Amino acid sequence: MAIGASYGLEEARREFWEAWNGLSQVHTQKELEAQSKKMWAARKRLLKVDPEFRAMIKAREDKANAEAEE
C-alpha cells in the first residue's frame, strides 16, 4: 500500500472515531445535529477507503435486517 493511501486511511479512521466520540460530549440539540453531521460525513469517507470498516458495517446491517425479518 502506498504511503499516501495509508495516511488517507488512517486519517479517515481518526476523523470518524473523533466525530463518533464527540457525540457523547454535546450538550444541546444544535450541537448534537452539528456533531452528527460531522460523524455521518466522516463515516461516508471512511466507507470509501476502509474495506474492514465496510465489512463491519455490512455485517451489522445484515444482522439487523435478519433480526427484523424474524
Protein backbone atom coordinates (compact mmCIF):
# COMPACT_ATOMS: atom_id res chain seq x y z
CA MET A 1 0.00 0.00 0.00
CA ALA A 2 1.33 3.43 -0.85
CA ILE A 3 2.26 5.77 1.97
CA GLY A 4 -0.29 8.34 0.80
CA ALA A 5 -3.05 5.74 0.68
CA SER A 6 -2.17 4.53 4.16
CA TYR A 7 -2.19 8.07 5.51
CA GLY A 8 -5.60 8.67 3.94
CA LEU A 9 -6.96 5.54 5.58
CA GLU A 10 -5.55 6.40 8.99
CA GLU A 11 -6.75 10.00 8.69
CA ALA A 12 -10.26 8.82 7.75
CA ARG A 13 -10.32 6.40 10.69
CA ARG A 14 -9.14 9.08 13.13
CA GLU A 15 -11.68 11.58 11.78
CA PHE A 16 -14.56 9.11 12.12
CA TRP A 17 -13.72 7.96 15.65
CA GLU A 18 -13.16 11.52 16.85
CA ALA A 19 -16.55 12.50 15.43
CA TRP A 20 -18.17 9.37 16.90
CA ASN A 21 -16.71 10.01 20.36
CA GLY A 22 -17.68 13.66 20.09
CA LEU A 23 -21.35 12.66 20.02
CA SER A 24 -21.18 11.91 23.75
CA GLN A 25 -19.76 15.35 24.50
CA VAL A 26 -22.54 17.54 23.15
CA HIS A 27 -25.00 19.34 25.40
CA THR A 28 -27.58 20.93 23.11
CA GLN A 29 -29.74 19.77 20.23
CA LYS A 30 -27.89 22.16 17.92
CA GLU A 31 -24.51 20.72 18.96
CA LEU A 32 -25.87 17.20 18.50
CA GLU A 33 -27.07 17.97 15.00
CA ALA A 34 -23.73 19.55 14.04
CA GLN A 35 -21.70 16.67 15.51
CA SER A 36 -24.00 14.10 13.91
CA LYS A 37 -23.50 15.75 10.54
CA LYS A 38 -19.70 15.56 11.03
CA MET A 39 -19.93 11.90 12.05
CA TRP A 40 -22.04 10.89 9.03
CA ALA A 41 -19.69 12.73 6.64
CA ALA A 42 -16.68 11.05 8.24
CA ARG A 43 -18.44 7.66 8.07
CA LYS A 44 -19.11 8.15 4.37
CA ARG A 45 -15.44 8.96 3.71
CA LEU A 46 -14.27 6.01 5.79
CA LEU A 47 -16.58 3.61 3.96
CA LYS A 48 -14.88 4.65 0.71
CA VAL A 49 -11.33 3.89 1.87
CA ASP A 50 -11.57 1.15 4.51
CA PRO A 51 -12.63 -2.34 3.40
CA GLU A 52 -12.57 -3.61 7.01
CA PHE A 53 -14.93 -0.86 8.13
CA ARG A 54 -17.20 -1.54 5.12
CA ALA A 55 -17.33 -5.24 6.03
CA MET A 56 -18.09 -4.45 9.69
CA ILE A 57 -20.94 -2.10 8.75
CA LYS A 58 -22.34 -4.58 6.22
CA ALA A 59 -22.28 -7.39 8.81
CA ARG A 60 -24.14 -5.21 11.33
CA GLU A 61 -26.72 -4.18 8.73
CA ASP A 62 -27.20 -7.79 7.60
CA LYS A 63 -27.69 -8.90 11.22
CA ALA A 64 -30.19 -6.11 11.89
CA ASN A 65 -32.11 -6.96 8.71
CA ALA A 66 -32.23 -10.66 9.61
CA GLU A 67 -33.49 -9.85 13.11
CA ALA A 68 -36.13 -7.50 11.69
CA GLU A 69 -37.42 -10.30 9.45
CA GLU A 70 -37.89 -12.72 12.38
